[in-house]
Amino acid sequence: MSTMHWNTLLSARRKGEYQKKPGSRSSDLRTEFEKDYHRIIGSASFRRLQDKTQVFPLDKSDFIRTRLTHSLEVSSLAKSLGQNIAESILQNRLDPEFTEQMKGNICDILLCAGLIHDIGNPPFGHFGEEAIRDWFQKKLPLLEYRGKKLNEVLTPQMTGDFLHFEGNAQALRLVSKLHLLVNENGMNLTFALLDTIIKYPVPSTGIAPQSGRIGAKKMGYFYAERELYRMVAESCGTVGVRHPLVYILEAADDIAYRTADIEDAFKKGCISFNDLKAELHRYLDPCYRERENYPLAVLEHQYQKALDRRDKEPERYAVSNFIIRMQGYLIYCATSGFTAHYREIMDGRYEHDLFWGSPAAAIADALGRIAYRYAFISRPILKLEVAANRILTCFLDEFVNAFLYYDTDVPLGMMEEKMVNLVSDNYKQIYHYYSRNKSETEKLYLRLLLVTDYVSGMTDSFAKGLYQQLKGID
């Protein structure tokens, strides 16, 4: 892999290029990346994130984060990181080609990428992805199409797309096809932005979690978007490797969930102040305890400040301010990590996150473990996930069966017709557009994608309500 260059990495090209009339002048002074921001903010897909789970499904509290508030936090953190890193590149003269204008473009791209990095996630948080994968792993070898097992009809990559279903790949599909803004190109975002949300630049057949390659842990695009991926990667000069801004977006996401999820778990009563102190002591090596930003010392200092202020809720004050301090420290370390490994990142050779090799690595790992233990596998979550699994299993059972022979010479039964009619015409319109002149196998694949598109696009409340209606539950 040759060295990447910012003038190509910041590609403002779009798949749907609109021709200007000869001699016409635009009164729109926004950059292409600023236009992306307004396209995203004004979209229904972005608004739906307000009713999608971050950690606690269907929570009634207005404090607990939704996927929307999480995305806004990631967007803000990503822009802050982009500002710090770009300024460091300029001041330390790490790249003679890097300009002040590039700094502004990077910040705009990261601001947008944070907003849409989770836009493809199904209802009920990351568990929704697991439930969809689990359903296909169990059912795909059993389902038949014209007398053959589905996994014998579909190609290995088509099959892999469902067995390894991934919200990251769904995000690329949603913004490039499913959101009908002007035409079939979805939001028609710039290639630099699309490349920044392709966290894993490999298809489902290229997943290699044991390889040590950070970009091959999961898949980044479906078979249906293979040509779009190639177009984007060739335009940005990143074929087969991560766009440098992916590392910054990933760091912002890590900082957000490793800190905010602990705050939400505390607010929900899943972890107490004393639990948090004990866990920090448990996970962090004693050698870190003398450092200025040692988390346990920061937490205790904030608690003492609350007592000095005679705060009525000293533990709440301490946890909230502890979270802010940890975010600031992790931003500092991620900035240092990017600049320290700048050449490896630009050469496509860097295989770690931005905290690797710094004191923040142990802290980020500890916070992640605590968040997982007290938020993601807490008893309230486990109960809700059992319910969520029943809902998603019901949908996949019914809708896959209904669409298996949709748009074929095989007539649908009465109930299959009804289930097909329940699905928004938007998804069926997308299917018909992209299935034109395709083989029967590819049409079958696109019909299965139609189902996962529909299910992934649901909000938590819509999914719950539809399930109750289908089951006749008042």
Protein backbone atom coordinates (compact mmCIF):
# COMPACT_ATOMS: atom_id res chain seq x y z
CA MET A 1 0.00 0.00 0.00
CA SER A 2 1.45 3.32 -1.04
CA THR A 3 1.18 6.38 1.15
CA MET A 4 -2.25 8.03 1.23
CA HIS A 5 -2.59 11.74 0.55
CA TRP A 6 -5.09 14.17 2.05
CA ASN A 7 -5.97 15.77 -1.27
CA THR A 8 -7.48 12.44 -2.38
CA LEU A 9 -8.59 11.27 1.08
CA LEU A 10 -10.84 14.33 1.35
CA SER A 11 -12.70 13.50 -1.85
CA ALA A 12 -15.81 15.66 -2.28
CA ARG A 13 -17.08 13.45 -5.11
CA ARG A 14 -20.59 11.97 -4.89
CA LYS A 15 -22.08 8.97 -6.68
CA GLY A 16 -24.91 11.10 -8.03
CA GLU A 17 -23.23 14.12 -9.59
CA TYR A 18 -25.65 16.80 -10.73
CA GLN A 19 -24.80 18.79 -13.82
CA LYS A 20 -24.96 22.59 -13.55
CA LYS A 21 -26.34 24.59 -16.39
CA PRO A 22 -23.58 26.17 -18.53
CA GLY A 23 -22.70 29.63 -17.25
CA SER A 24 -24.74 29.24 -14.05
CA ARG A 25 -23.31 30.40 -10.71
CA SER A 26 -24.26 28.92 -7.38
CA SER A 27 -25.29 31.18 -4.53
CA ASP A 28 -24.63 28.33 -2.08
CA LEU A 29 -21.32 29.09 -0.35
CA ARG A 30 -21.24 25.95 1.77
CA THR A 31 -18.50 23.38 1.27
CA GLU A 32 -19.57 19.93 0.06
CA PHE A 33 -19.00 18.54 3.56
CA GLU A 34 -21.19 21.24 5.13
CA LYS A 35 -23.91 20.22 2.67
CA ASP A 36 -23.56 16.63 3.95
CA TYR A 37 -24.27 17.84 7.49
CA HIS A 38 -27.56 19.47 6.51
CA ARG A 39 -28.63 16.41 4.49
CA ILE A 40 -28.12 14.22 7.54
CA ILE A 41 -29.71 16.52 10.12
CA GLY A 42 -32.84 16.90 7.98
CA SER A 43 -33.32 13.18 7.36
CA ALA A 44 -36.01 10.96 8.86
CA SER A 45 -33.41 8.21 9.35
CA PHE A 46 -31.43 10.46 11.68
CA ARG A 47 -34.54 11.48 13.62
CA ARG A 48 -35.44 7.82 14.18
CA LEU A 49 -32.32 7.45 16.32
CA GLN A 50 -34.17 9.24 19.12
CA ASP A 51 -36.27 6.08 19.58
CA LYS A 52 -33.47 3.54 19.25
CA THR A 53 -31.60 1.98 22.13
CA GLN A 54 -28.05 2.83 23.13
CA VAL A 55 -27.91 0.42 26.09
CA PHE A 56 -31.24 0.38 27.94
CA PRO A 57 -34.13 -0.53 25.59
CA LEU A 58 -37.48 1.30 25.84
CA ASP A 59 -36.30 3.30 28.84
CA LYS A 60 -38.77 5.92 30.07
CA SER A 61 -36.14 8.21 31.65
CA ASP A 62 -35.25 11.41 29.80
CA PHE A 63 -31.71 11.17 31.24
CA ILE A 64 -30.72 7.80 29.76
CA ARG A 65 -29.00 8.09 26.40
CA THR A 66 -30.67 7.01 23.18
CA ARG A 67 -28.85 6.19 19.97
CA LEU A 68 -29.48 9.81 18.95
CA THR A 69 -27.85 11.38 22.01
CA HIS A 70 -24.97 8.90 21.74
CA SER A 71 -24.48 9.88 18.08
CA LEU A 72 -24.48 13.57 18.97
CA GLU A 73 -21.83 12.93 21.64
CA VAL A 74 -19.68 10.92 19.21
CA SER A 75 -20.06 13.68 16.62
CA SER A 76 -18.89 16.30 19.11
CA LEU A 77 -15.97 14.19 20.36
CA ALA A 78 -14.92 13.31 16.80
CA LYS A 79 -14.85 16.96 15.76
CA SER A 80 -12.82 17.87 18.86
CA LEU A 81 -10.34 15.09 18.12
CA GLY A 82 -10.16 16.18 14.49
CA GLN A 83 -9.37 19.76 15.51
CA ASN A 84 -6.63 18.65 17.91
CA ILE A 85 -5.06 16.19 15.49
CA ALA A 86 -5.20 18.50 12.47
CA GLU A 87 -3.66 21.34 14.48
CA SER A 88 -0.92 18.99 15.67
CA ILE A 89 -0.18 17.97 12.06
CA LEU A 90 0.14 21.64 11.11
CA GLN A 91 2.19 22.76 14.11
CA ASN A 92 4.58 19.80 14.02
CA ARG A 93 4.81 19.91 10.23
CA LEU A 94 4.08 16.21 9.94
CA ASP A 95 2.86 16.59 6.37
CA PRO A 96 3.97 19.36 3.99
CA GLU A 97 0.80 18.87 1.89
CA PHE A 98 -1.56 19.46 4.83
CA THR A 99 -3.35 22.84 4.82
CA GLU A 100 -5.62 24.91 7.06
CA GLN A 101 -8.52 24.25 4.68
CA MET A 102 -7.97 20.50 5.10
CA LYS A 103 -8.27 20.98 8.85
CA GLY A 104 -11.71 22.53 8.39
CA ASN A 105 -12.82 19.77 6.02
CA ILE A 106 -11.66 17.05 8.42
CA CYS A 107 -13.69 18.59 11.25
CA ASP A 108 -16.81 18.78 9.05
CA ILE A 109 -16.42 15.18 7.86
CA LEU A 110 -15.96 13.88 11.41
CA LEU A 111 -18.92 15.93 12.66
CA CYS A 112 -21.08 14.19 10.03
CA ALA A 113 -19.55 10.74 10.50
CA GLY A 114 -20.35 10.81 14.22
CA LEU A 115 -24.00 11.51 13.41
CA ILE A 116 -24.40 8.53 11.07
CA HIS A 117 -21.93 5.95 12.41
CA ASP A 118 -24.78 3.99 14.08
CA ILE A 119 -27.60 4.96 11.72
CA GLY A 120 -27.81 1.40 10.34
CA ASN A 121 -28.20 -0.30 13.72
CA PRO A 122 -31.45 -2.27 14.19
CA PRO A 123 -33.79 -1.70 17.15
CA PHE A 124 -32.74 -2.79 20.67
CA GLY A 125 -29.09 -1.77 20.46
CA HIS A 126 -26.22 -4.05 19.53
CA PHE A 127 -28.31 -6.98 20.71
CA GLY A 128 -30.48 -6.40 17.64
CA GLU A 129 -27.48 -7.20 15.43
CA GLU A 130 -26.78 -10.35 17.41
CA ALA A 131 -30.42 -11.46 17.18
CA ILE A 132 -30.47 -11.04 13.39
CA ARG A 133 -27.18 -12.94 13.00
CA ASP A 134 -28.41 -15.69 15.31
CA TRP A 135 -31.67 -16.10 13.36
CA PHE A 136 -29.88 -16.55 10.04
CA GLN A 137 -27.27 -18.89 11.51
CA LYS A 138 -30.08 -21.13 12.74
CA LYS A 139 -32.57 -20.79 9.88
CA LEU A 140 -30.54 -20.27 6.69
CA PRO A 141 -29.42 -23.93 6.48
CA LEU A 142 -33.06 -25.04 6.97
CA LEU A 143 -34.96 -22.72 4.62
CA GLU A 144 -35.58 -23.93 1.08
CA TYR A 145 -36.03 -22.11 -2.23
CA ARG A 146 -37.31 -24.10 -5.21
CA GLY A 147 -36.28 -27.37 -3.57
CA LYS A 148 -32.76 -26.29 -2.56
CA LYS A 149 -31.40 -25.05 0.76
CA LEU A 150 -30.94 -21.28 0.78
CA ASN A 151 -27.24 -21.49 1.64
CA GLU A 152 -26.81 -23.70 -1.45
CA VAL A 153 -28.59 -21.21 -3.73
CA LEU A 154 -26.83 -18.05 -2.50
CA THR A 155 -23.14 -17.38 -3.11
CA PRO A 156 -20.74 -17.58 -0.12
CA GLN A 157 -20.57 -13.78 0.13
CA MET A 158 -24.35 -13.41 -0.05
CA THR A 159 -24.75 -16.04 2.67
CA GLY A 160 -22.01 -14.42 4.75
CA ASP A 161 -23.77 -11.06 4.64
CA PHE A 162 -26.63 -12.49 6.71
CA LEU A 163 -24.60 -14.81 8.93
CA HIS A 164 -22.37 -11.86 9.88
CA PHE A 165 -25.00 -9.10 9.66
CA GLU A 166 -23.40 -5.83 10.76
CA GLY A 167 -24.81 -2.40 11.59
CA ASN A 168 -21.73 -0.74 10.06
CA ALA A 169 -22.49 -2.28 6.66
CA GLN A 170 -26.17 -1.42 7.06
CA ALA A 171 -25.24 2.23 7.72
CA LEU A 172 -23.44 2.45 4.37
CA ARG A 173 -26.43 0.81 2.66
CA LEU A 174 -28.94 3.11 4.34
CA VAL A 175 -27.27 6.43 3.51
CA SER A 176 -26.35 5.38 -0.05
CA LYS A 177 -29.59 3.67 -1.13
CA LEU A 178 -32.43 3.36 1.37
CA HIS A 179 -32.95 7.02 2.23
CA LEU A 180 -34.80 8.38 -0.80
CA LEU A 181 -33.87 12.06 -0.75
CA VAL A 182 -33.69 12.94 -4.43
CA ASN A 183 -33.17 9.63 -6.22
CA GLU A 184 -31.78 6.10 -5.84
CA ASN A 185 -28.47 7.40 -4.42
CA GLY A 186 -29.93 7.90 -0.94
CA MET A 187 -28.48 10.90 0.87
CA ASN A 188 -25.82 11.03 -1.86
CA LEU A 189 -23.05 11.89 0.60
CA THR A 190 -19.45 12.69 -0.31
CA PHE A 191 -17.04 9.81 -0.78
CA ALA A 192 -14.74 11.08 1.98
CA LEU A 193 -17.62 10.84 4.46
CA LEU A 194 -18.73 7.40 3.23
CA ASP A 195 -15.14 6.12 3.52
CA THR A 196 -14.94 7.44 7.09
CA ILE A 197 -17.90 5.27 8.18
CA ILE A 198 -16.51 2.13 6.49
CA LYS A 199 -14.86 0.88 9.67
CA TYR A 200 -13.95 -2.50 8.18
CA PRO A 201 -12.83 -2.32 4.50
CA VAL A 202 -13.57 -6.01 3.82
CA PRO A 203 -16.63 -8.01 2.64
CA SER A 204 -18.17 -10.84 4.70
CA THR A 205 -15.82 -13.32 3.00
CA GLY A 206 -12.83 -11.25 4.12
CA ILE A 207 -13.52 -11.32 7.87
CA ALA A 208 -10.41 -12.53 9.72
CA PRO A 209 -10.59 -11.64 13.45
CA GLN A 210 -7.53 -13.78 14.24
CA SER A 211 -5.35 -12.10 11.60
CA GLY A 212 -4.41 -9.15 13.79
CA ARG A 213 -5.72 -6.75 11.13
CA ILE A 214 -7.92 -4.17 12.85
CA GLY A 215 -9.89 -3.58 9.66
CA ALA A 216 -10.77 -7.27 9.19
CA LYS A 217 -12.52 -7.97 12.51
CA LYS A 218 -15.97 -7.60 10.93
CA MET A 219 -17.39 -6.79 7.51
CA GLY A 220 -17.81 -3.23 6.31
CA TYR A 221 -20.07 -3.57 3.29
CA PHE A 222 -22.60 -5.98 1.83
CA TYR A 223 -22.30 -7.74 -1.53
CA ALA A 224 -25.00 -5.31 -2.75
CA GLU A 225 -22.65 -2.34 -2.09
CA ARG A 226 -19.46 -3.93 -3.45
CA GLU A 227 -19.33 -1.62 -6.48
CA LEU A 228 -20.01 1.46 -4.34
CA TYR A 229 -17.21 0.46 -1.95
CA ARG A 230 -14.78 0.09 -4.85
CA MET A 231 -15.81 3.47 -6.28
CA VAL A 232 -15.41 5.20 -2.90
CA ALA A 233 -12.10 3.52 -2.02
CA GLU A 234 -10.56 4.19 -5.43
CA SER A 235 -11.62 7.84 -5.28
CA CYS A 236 -10.07 8.27 -1.81
CA GLY A 237 -7.05 6.04 -2.45
CA THR A 238 -7.91 3.57 0.33
CA VAL A 239 -8.62 0.27 -1.44
CA GLY A 240 -8.37 -2.52 1.16
CA VAL A 241 -7.25 -0.24 4.01
CA ARG A 242 -8.87 2.11 6.51
CA HIS A 243 -9.32 5.78 5.79
CA PRO A 244 -7.22 7.63 8.44
CA LEU A 245 -10.33 9.38 9.77
CA VAL A 246 -11.79 5.97 10.71
CA TYR A 247 -9.28 5.77 13.58
CA ILE A 248 -10.47 9.15 14.87
CA LEU A 249 -14.17 8.24 14.58
CA GLU A 250 -13.53 4.91 16.31
CA ALA A 251 -11.69 6.65 19.17
CA ALA A 252 -14.57 9.11 19.60
CA ASP A 253 -17.07 6.22 19.71
CA ASP A 254 -14.91 4.34 22.24
CA ILE A 255 -14.60 7.40 24.47
CA ALA A 256 -18.35 8.02 24.33
CA TYR A 257 -19.57 4.55 25.17
CA ARG A 258 -16.84 3.65 27.68
CA THR A 259 -17.69 6.71 29.77
CA ALA A 260 -21.34 7.56 29.11
CA ASP A 261 -22.57 3.97 29.53
CA ILE A 262 -21.11 3.93 33.03
CA GLU A 263 -22.94 7.17 33.83
CA ASP A 264 -26.21 5.69 32.51
CA ALA A 265 -25.67 2.48 34.50
CA PHE A 266 -25.11 4.58 37.64
CA LYS A 267 -28.28 6.57 36.98
CA LYS A 268 -30.23 3.32 36.50
CA GLY A 269 -28.90 1.92 39.76
CA CYS A 270 -26.99 -0.88 38.02
CA ILE A 271 -23.69 0.25 39.55
CA SER A 272 -23.17 2.14 42.80
CA PHE A 273 -20.49 4.71 43.60
CA ASN A 274 -18.68 2.17 45.79
CA ASP A 275 -18.97 -0.49 43.06
CA LEU A 276 -17.29 1.89 40.61
CA LYS A 277 -14.46 2.59 43.08
CA ALA A 278 -13.94 -1.13 43.67
CA GLU A 279 -13.94 -1.94 39.95
CA LEU A 280 -11.44 0.79 39.10
CA HIS A 281 -9.15 -0.55 41.82
CA ARG A 282 -9.63 -4.08 40.53
CA TYR A 283 -8.92 -3.47 36.85
CA LEU A 284 -6.09 -0.94 36.99
CA ASP A 285 -2.53 -1.95 37.65
CA PRO A 286 -0.97 -0.40 40.80
CA CYS A 287 1.71 1.26 38.65
CA TYR A 288 -0.95 3.66 37.35
CA ARG A 289 -1.94 4.88 40.79
CA GLU A 290 0.76 7.51 40.97
CA ARG A 291 -0.28 9.14 37.70
CA GLU A 292 -2.10 12.47 37.68
CA ASN A 293 -5.08 11.06 35.82
CA TYR A 294 -5.40 7.82 37.76
CA PRO A 295 -9.20 7.26 37.56
CA LEU A 296 -9.79 6.23 41.16
CA ALA A 297 -7.98 9.32 42.44
CA VAL A 298 -10.00 11.50 40.04
CA LEU A 299 -13.26 9.94 41.25
CA GLU A 300 -12.38 10.41 44.92
CA HIS A 301 -11.23 13.99 44.30
CA GLN A 302 -14.55 14.83 42.62
CA TYR A 303 -16.42 13.25 45.54
CA GLN A 304 -14.48 15.39 48.00
CA LYS A 305 -15.25 18.49 45.92
CA ALA A 306 -18.95 17.61 46.14
CA LEU A 307 -18.72 17.32 49.93
CA ASP A 308 -16.90 20.65 50.14
CA ARG A 309 -19.66 22.24 48.06
CA ARG A 310 -22.27 20.55 50.28
CA ASP A 311 -23.85 19.02 47.23
CA LYS A 312 -27.01 17.07 48.09
CA GLU A 313 -25.98 14.21 45.78
CA PRO A 314 -22.20 13.98 46.11
CA GLU A 315 -21.98 10.57 44.45
CA ARG A 316 -23.92 11.73 41.37
CA TYR A 317 -21.74 14.87 41.18
CA ALA A 318 -18.58 12.79 41.50
CA VAL A 319 -19.54 10.28 38.78
CA SER A 320 -20.68 12.97 36.30
CA ASN A 321 -17.51 15.02 36.72
CA PHE A 322 -15.34 11.91 36.71
CA ILE A 323 -16.82 11.07 33.29
CA ILE A 324 -15.96 14.54 31.95
CA ARG A 325 -12.37 14.31 33.24
CA MET A 326 -11.88 10.85 31.72
CA GLN A 327 -13.21 12.02 28.36
CA GLY A 328 -10.76 14.93 28.33
CA TYR A 329 -7.84 12.67 29.18
CA LEU A 330 -8.77 10.08 26.55
CA ILE A 331 -9.08 12.83 23.90
CA TYR A 332 -5.56 13.97 24.78
CA CYS A 333 -4.17 10.42 24.51
CA ALA A 334 -5.99 9.66 21.25
CA THR A 335 -4.56 12.87 19.75
CA SER A 336 -1.07 11.82 20.81
CA GLY A 337 -1.65 8.31 19.46
CA PHE A 338 -2.60 9.54 15.98
CA THR A 339 0.32 11.93 15.67
CA ALA A 340 2.81 9.41 17.11
CA HIS A 341 1.79 6.82 14.51
CA TYR A 342 1.01 9.27 11.72
CA ARG A 343 3.23 7.70 9.08
CA GLU A 344 1.98 4.14 9.76
CA ILE A 345 -1.63 5.34 9.56
CA MET A 346 -1.02 7.20 6.29
CA ASP A 347 0.76 4.14 4.86
CA GLY A 348 -2.17 1.86 5.78
CA ARG A 349 0.03 -0.18 8.13
CA TYR A 350 -1.36 0.73 11.56
CA GLU A 351 -3.23 -2.18 13.19
CA HIS A 352 -4.21 -0.78 16.61
CA ASP A 353 -6.56 1.77 18.11
CA LEU A 354 -5.28 5.24 19.02
CA PHE A 355 -4.90 4.40 22.73
CA TRP A 356 -2.48 1.54 22.08
CA GLY A 357 0.86 1.93 23.81
CA SER A 358 -0.27 4.82 26.01
CA PRO A 359 -1.40 4.97 29.68
CA ALA A 360 -4.91 5.47 28.32
CA ALA A 361 -4.97 1.90 26.94
CA ALA A 362 -5.35 0.35 30.40
CA ILE A 363 -7.85 3.03 31.47
CA ALA A 364 -9.98 2.62 28.32
CA ASP A 365 -9.92 -1.15 28.77
CA ALA A 366 -10.95 -0.87 32.44
CA LEU A 367 -13.81 1.51 31.65
CA GLY A 368 -14.96 -0.78 28.83
CA ARG A 369 -14.99 -3.82 31.11
CA ILE A 370 -16.95 -1.96 33.79
CA ALA A 371 -19.47 -0.67 31.22
CA TYR A 372 -19.94 -4.17 29.83
CA ARG A 373 -20.39 -5.80 33.21
CA TYR A 374 -22.76 -3.25 34.76
CA ALA A 375 -24.62 -1.99 31.69
CA PHE A 376 -24.59 -4.50 28.84
CA ILE A 377 -25.11 -7.68 30.90
CA SER A 378 -27.01 -6.23 33.86
CA ARG A 379 -30.21 -8.03 34.93
CA PRO A 380 -32.60 -5.35 33.56
CA ILE A 381 -30.86 -5.57 30.19
CA LEU A 382 -30.98 -9.37 30.07
CA LYS A 383 -34.74 -9.38 30.65
CA LEU A 384 -35.32 -6.83 27.91
CA GLU A 385 -33.08 -8.74 25.50
CA VAL A 386 -35.16 -11.89 25.93
CA ALA A 387 -38.23 -9.87 24.94
CA ALA A 388 -36.33 -8.18 22.06
CA ASN A 389 -35.24 -11.58 20.74
CA ARG A 390 -38.84 -12.77 20.59
CA ILE A 391 -39.87 -9.64 18.70
CA LEU A 392 -37.09 -9.86 16.10
CA THR A 393 -37.47 -13.63 15.70
CA CYS A 394 -41.18 -13.16 15.01
CA PHE A 395 -40.48 -10.51 12.36
CA LEU A 396 -37.81 -12.56 10.58
CA ASP A 397 -39.94 -15.72 10.66
CA GLU A 398 -42.93 -13.94 9.13
CA PHE A 399 -41.31 -11.51 6.69
CA VAL A 400 -38.64 -13.85 5.27
CA ASN A 401 -41.35 -16.44 4.60
CA ALA A 402 -43.54 -13.77 2.95
CA PHE A 403 -40.79 -12.38 0.66
CA LEU A 404 -39.14 -15.68 -0.30
CA TYR A 405 -41.25 -15.95 -3.46
CA TYR A 406 -42.24 -12.29 -3.80
CA ASP A 407 -41.70 -11.03 -7.37
CA THR A 408 -41.47 -14.60 -8.78
CA ASP A 409 -43.82 -16.86 -10.78
CA VAL A 410 -44.89 -18.58 -7.54
CA PRO A 411 -48.16 -17.08 -6.22
CA LEU A 412 -48.15 -15.88 -2.62
CA GLY A 413 -50.61 -17.20 -0.07
CA MET A 414 -53.18 -14.99 1.62
CA MET A 415 -51.08 -14.34 4.73
CA GLU A 416 -47.88 -13.82 2.75
CA GLU A 417 -49.66 -11.14 0.71
CA LYS A 418 -50.78 -9.40 3.89
CA MET A 419 -47.26 -9.47 5.37
CA VAL A 420 -45.81 -8.05 2.13
CA ASN A 421 -48.36 -5.24 2.21
CA LEU A 422 -47.31 -4.32 5.76
CA VAL A 423 -43.84 -3.36 4.53
CA SER A 424 -43.30 0.25 3.46
CA ASP A 425 -43.43 0.80 -0.29
CA ASN A 426 -40.06 2.57 -0.02
CA TYR A 427 -38.25 -0.72 0.67
CA LYS A 428 -40.09 -2.51 -2.14
CA GLN A 429 -39.33 0.35 -4.53
CA ILE A 430 -35.60 0.11 -3.70
CA TYR A 431 -35.73 -3.66 -4.28
CA HIS A 432 -37.38 -3.32 -7.69
CA TYR A 433 -34.94 -0.63 -8.79
CA TYR A 434 -31.81 -2.60 -7.89
CA SER A 435 -33.13 -6.03 -8.93
CA ARG A 436 -33.72 -5.04 -12.55
CA ASN A 437 -31.87 -7.34 -14.97
CA LYS A 438 -30.39 -9.33 -12.08
CA SER A 439 -30.17 -13.13 -11.88
CA GLU A 440 -32.72 -15.11 -9.88
CA THR A 441 -30.09 -15.76 -7.19
CA GLU A 442 -29.29 -12.07 -6.79
CA LYS A 443 -32.99 -11.19 -6.70
CA LEU A 444 -33.48 -13.71 -3.89
CA TYR A 445 -30.54 -12.14 -2.03
CA LEU A 446 -32.00 -8.65 -2.48
CA ARG A 447 -35.39 -9.83 -1.16
CA LEU A 448 -33.71 -11.11 2.00
CA LEU A 449 -31.92 -7.75 2.26
CA LEU A 450 -35.30 -6.07 1.87
CA VAL A 451 -36.41 -7.83 5.05
CA THR A 452 -33.30 -6.89 7.03
CA ASP A 453 -33.61 -3.33 5.68
CA TYR A 454 -37.18 -3.12 6.96
CA VAL A 455 -36.42 -4.65 10.36
CA SER A 456 -33.25 -2.56 10.85
CA GLY A 457 -35.13 0.62 10.03
CA MET A 458 -37.64 0.11 12.84
CA THR A 459 -37.47 2.10 16.05
CA ASP A 460 -37.80 0.28 19.38
CA SER A 461 -41.34 1.54 19.96
CA PHE A 462 -42.49 0.71 16.42
CA ALA A 463 -41.06 -2.80 16.69
CA LYS A 464 -42.76 -3.38 20.04
CA GLY A 465 -46.08 -2.01 18.76
CA LEU A 466 -46.04 -4.04 15.53
CA TYR A 467 -45.19 -7.23 17.43
CA GLN A 468 -48.13 -6.68 19.78
CA GLN A 469 -50.44 -6.12 16.80
CA LEU A 470 -49.22 -9.23 14.98
CA LYS A 471 -49.63 -11.31 18.14
CA GLY A 472 -53.06 -9.83 18.95
CA ILE A 473 -51.80 -8.34 22.22
CA ASP A 474 -53.69 -5.28 23.44
